[in-house]
Amino acid sequence: MAIGSHKQAKSPASASHASHGLSLPANGLEALQKRGIYCTSALSIEHQHLAKRYVLRGVESGGAVVDLGRACAYLSSDGNPLPWLQSIDSIAVNGRHAIFLADNLVRIEMLRMVRTYELAISLHTLSLPPGRIRPEIASKLLFRGRDGKLTEAVCCIGCRHTHVGVPPKTDGVAT
C-alpha cells in the first residue's frame, strides 16, 4: 500500500476515528448517498448464545463512482484476511458485501475524492469493565493517512464483492 501522507493522529479527534471511523461532514455524507454509495463503518457487539461468548461484528461495505468512493474492510489483528461469516448478495451495487465476526478486528476505512484519499486504520477489541457482564468495544487508532494516493476498493465502480475478506473454510476446502 502506498500512501502520500503518513501522519499519525495525536489529537483528541484520534479517539473518534478509532471508535467511529472517518468523520465526514454532512455534505460529504449527502454526496455519497446521492451517488448510491453505502458504507457501514460502525461495529457492534453480538452474543453467540451456543458458544456463550461475545464477539465483534463488522460489515465490509462500500464502492465507488467515477469521482467518489468509500470502503470499509476488516482484517484479523495480525493483519491477515478474515473468513466472512456471511457474504451478502444484492441487486444493488456499492453497498454491503460481507459480515465478519471475531474477538478482535482491524478496520480499514478509506474515502476517495477524485484522486485524493483519506485513510483510517484502527484496532478494535472487547474489554470487560469490572463488575460488568457485557463487554465494551475498546478502540485504538493505528494509522491515519491524509491526502494520500491508494487502492482498488474505493475505485471499484459498481462494486458488489469483497476486496479483503475471504470465504470461510469447510473441512479444509474454501467454499
Protein backbone atom coordinates (compact mmCIF):
# COMPACT_ATOMS: atom_id res chain seq x y z
CA MET A 1 0.00 0.00 0.00
CA ALA A 2 1.35 3.38 -0.93
CA ILE A 3 0.05 6.44 0.82
CA GLY A 4 1.09 10.01 0.16
CA SER A 5 0.95 11.17 3.74
CA HIS A 6 1.97 9.15 6.81
CA LYS A 7 0.66 11.35 9.60
CA GLN A 8 -0.19 9.67 12.89
CA ALA A 9 -3.10 11.41 14.61
CA LYS A 10 -2.30 12.68 18.09
CA SER A 11 -5.30 14.94 18.57
CA PRO A 12 -8.45 14.26 20.61
CA ALA A 13 -10.11 13.52 17.26
CA SER A 14 -7.99 10.35 17.03
CA ALA A 15 -10.20 8.69 19.64
CA SER A 16 -13.22 9.46 17.47
CA HIS A 17 -11.53 7.99 14.36
CA ALA A 18 -10.69 4.86 16.31
CA SER A 19 -14.24 4.33 17.55
CA HIS A 20 -16.35 5.56 14.65
CA GLY A 21 -14.07 5.68 11.61
CA LEU A 22 -13.59 8.65 9.35
CA SER A 23 -15.59 11.73 10.32
CA LEU A 24 -17.40 13.10 7.31
CA PRO A 25 -19.20 16.43 7.05
CA ALA A 26 -22.92 16.36 6.25
CA ASN A 27 -22.31 17.43 2.63
CA GLY A 28 -19.84 14.54 2.23
CA LEU A 29 -22.38 12.04 3.51
CA GLU A 30 -25.02 13.56 1.21
CA ALA A 31 -22.67 13.27 -1.78
CA LEU A 32 -22.09 9.58 -1.04
CA GLN A 33 -25.81 8.93 -0.60
CA LYS A 34 -26.69 10.86 -3.78
CA ARG A 35 -24.27 8.66 -5.74
CA GLY A 36 -25.61 5.47 -4.16
CA ILE A 37 -22.51 4.56 -2.13
CA TYR A 38 -23.38 2.99 1.21
CA CYS A 39 -20.62 2.24 3.69
CA THR A 40 -21.15 0.96 7.23
CA SER A 41 -18.15 1.60 9.48
CA ALA A 42 -19.90 1.04 12.82
CA LEU A 43 -19.05 -2.07 14.84
CA SER A 44 -21.41 -3.88 17.17
CA ILE A 45 -21.13 -6.44 19.95
CA GLU A 46 -23.01 -9.68 19.33
CA HIS A 47 -23.64 -12.53 21.75
CA GLN A 48 -23.21 -16.06 20.42
CA HIS A 49 -25.66 -18.00 22.57
CA LEU A 50 -24.46 -21.52 21.77
CA ALA A 51 -20.78 -20.60 22.24
CA LYS A 52 -21.68 -18.45 25.29
CA ARG A 53 -19.38 -15.63 24.26
CA TYR A 54 -19.38 -12.10 22.87
CA VAL A 55 -17.80 -11.15 19.54
CA LEU A 56 -17.38 -8.06 17.42
CA ARG A 57 -19.45 -7.71 14.24
CA GLY A 58 -18.21 -5.67 11.28
CA VAL A 59 -19.67 -5.23 7.80
CA GLU A 60 -17.38 -4.90 4.79
CA SER A 61 -19.10 -2.37 2.57
CA GLY A 62 -18.69 0.47 0.11
CA GLY A 63 -17.90 1.07 -3.52
CA ALA A 64 -17.25 3.83 -5.97
CA VAL A 65 -18.37 6.01 -8.82
CA VAL A 66 -16.07 8.00 -11.08
CA ASP A 67 -15.43 10.94 -8.73
CA LEU A 68 -16.04 9.46 -5.28
CA GLY A 69 -15.50 6.22 -3.35
CA ARG A 70 -15.71 4.92 0.18
CA ALA A 71 -14.90 1.46 1.57
CA CYS A 72 -14.66 -0.25 4.92
CA ALA A 73 -12.96 -3.65 5.31
CA TYR A 74 -11.74 -5.84 8.17
CA LEU A 75 -8.63 -7.89 8.93
CA SER A 76 -7.55 -10.02 11.86
CA SER A 77 -5.35 -8.34 14.47
CA ASP A 78 -2.26 -9.94 12.86
CA GLY A 79 -3.13 -8.32 9.51
CA ASN A 80 -4.43 -11.42 7.73
CA PRO A 81 -7.73 -11.60 5.83
CA LEU A 82 -10.67 -12.91 7.84
CA PRO A 83 -13.13 -15.50 6.59
CA TRP A 84 -16.53 -13.87 6.35
CA LEU A 85 -19.47 -15.28 8.26
CA GLN A 86 -21.89 -14.34 5.51
CA SER A 87 -21.39 -13.00 2.01
CA ILE A 88 -24.18 -10.58 1.09
CA ASP A 89 -25.60 -10.89 -2.41
CA SER A 90 -27.57 -7.90 -3.60
CA ILE A 91 -29.05 -6.48 -6.75
CA ALA A 92 -27.76 -3.09 -5.66
CA VAL A 93 -24.08 -2.18 -6.02
CA ASN A 94 -21.80 -0.08 -3.82
CA GLY A 95 -23.26 -1.35 -0.54
CA ARG A 96 -22.78 -4.21 1.92
CA HIS A 97 -20.55 -7.11 0.82
CA ALA A 98 -19.93 -9.41 3.80
CA ILE A 99 -20.37 -9.77 7.57
CA PHE A 100 -17.45 -10.63 9.86
CA LEU A 101 -17.46 -11.90 13.45
CA ALA A 102 -14.28 -12.03 15.54
CA ASP A 103 -12.85 -11.44 19.01
CA ASN A 104 -10.89 -8.51 17.59
CA LEU A 105 -10.91 -6.68 14.27
CA VAL A 106 -8.69 -4.26 12.41
CA ARG A 107 -10.89 -1.86 10.46
CA ILE A 108 -9.54 -0.24 7.31
CA GLU A 109 -11.68 2.65 6.15
CA MET A 110 -10.97 4.79 3.14
CA LEU A 111 -12.58 7.72 1.37
CA ARG A 112 -11.62 8.86 -2.14
CA MET A 113 -12.43 12.27 -3.55
CA VAL A 114 -11.45 12.14 -7.25
CA ARG A 115 -7.72 11.26 -6.78
CA THR A 116 -7.17 12.16 -3.12
CA TYR A 117 -7.65 9.66 -0.28
CA GLU A 118 -8.32 9.68 3.47
CA LEU A 119 -7.45 6.54 5.41
CA ALA A 120 -8.07 5.35 8.98
CA ILE A 121 -6.82 2.00 10.29
CA SER A 122 -7.97 1.06 13.78
CA LEU A 123 -7.83 -1.94 16.12
CA HIS A 124 -10.98 -3.00 17.98
CA THR A 125 -11.10 -5.48 20.86
CA LEU A 126 -13.56 -6.44 23.56
CA SER A 127 -12.89 -5.09 27.05
CA LEU A 128 -14.74 -6.24 30.15
CA PRO A 129 -15.10 -3.44 32.72
CA PRO A 130 -15.07 -4.55 36.39
CA GLY A 131 -18.47 -5.62 37.67
CA ARG A 132 -20.00 -5.93 34.18
CA ILE A 133 -21.20 -8.98 32.26
CA ARG A 134 -21.38 -7.41 28.80
CA PRO A 135 -18.05 -6.22 27.34
CA GLU A 136 -17.40 -2.87 25.69
CA ILE A 137 -15.54 -2.11 22.47
CA ALA A 138 -12.02 -0.81 23.08
CA SER A 139 -10.67 1.01 20.01
CA LYS A 140 -7.19 2.24 19.13
CA LEU A 141 -6.19 4.26 16.08
CA LEU A 142 -3.23 2.54 14.40
CA PHE A 143 -2.76 4.84 11.39
CA ARG A 144 -4.36 7.97 9.96
CA GLY A 145 -3.42 9.00 6.44
CA ARG A 146 -4.47 12.26 4.86
CA ASP A 147 -4.30 13.46 1.27
CA GLY A 148 -2.82 10.19 0.02
CA LYS A 149 -2.96 8.07 -3.13
CA LEU A 150 -4.14 4.38 -2.96
CA THR A 151 -6.23 1.28 -3.56
CA GLU A 152 -8.77 -0.59 -5.52
CA ALA A 153 -11.74 -0.82 -3.11
CA VAL A 154 -12.68 2.86 -3.35
CA CYS A 155 -12.21 2.85 -7.14
CA CYS A 156 -14.32 -0.25 -7.82
CA ILE A 157 -17.21 1.31 -9.72
CA GLY A 158 -20.45 -0.60 -9.21
CA CYS A 159 -18.82 -2.76 -6.51
CA ARG A 160 -20.65 -5.83 -5.26
CA HIS A 161 -17.87 -8.05 -3.89
CA THR A 162 -15.38 -8.20 -1.02
CA HIS A 163 -11.87 -6.84 -1.51
CA VAL A 164 -10.24 -8.09 1.69
CA GLY A 165 -12.32 -10.88 3.24
CA VAL A 166 -12.01 -14.48 2.12
CA PRO A 167 -14.59 -17.32 2.03
CA PRO A 168 -14.76 -19.47 5.15
CA LYS A 169 -13.12 -22.91 5.03
CA THR A 170 -15.27 -26.01 5.33
CA ASP A 171 -13.42 -29.28 6.02
CA GLY A 172 -10.20 -27.73 4.73
CA VAL A 173 -11.82 -26.54 1.47
CA ALA A 174 -12.82 -22.94 0.78
CA THR A 175 -16.49 -22.51 -0.10
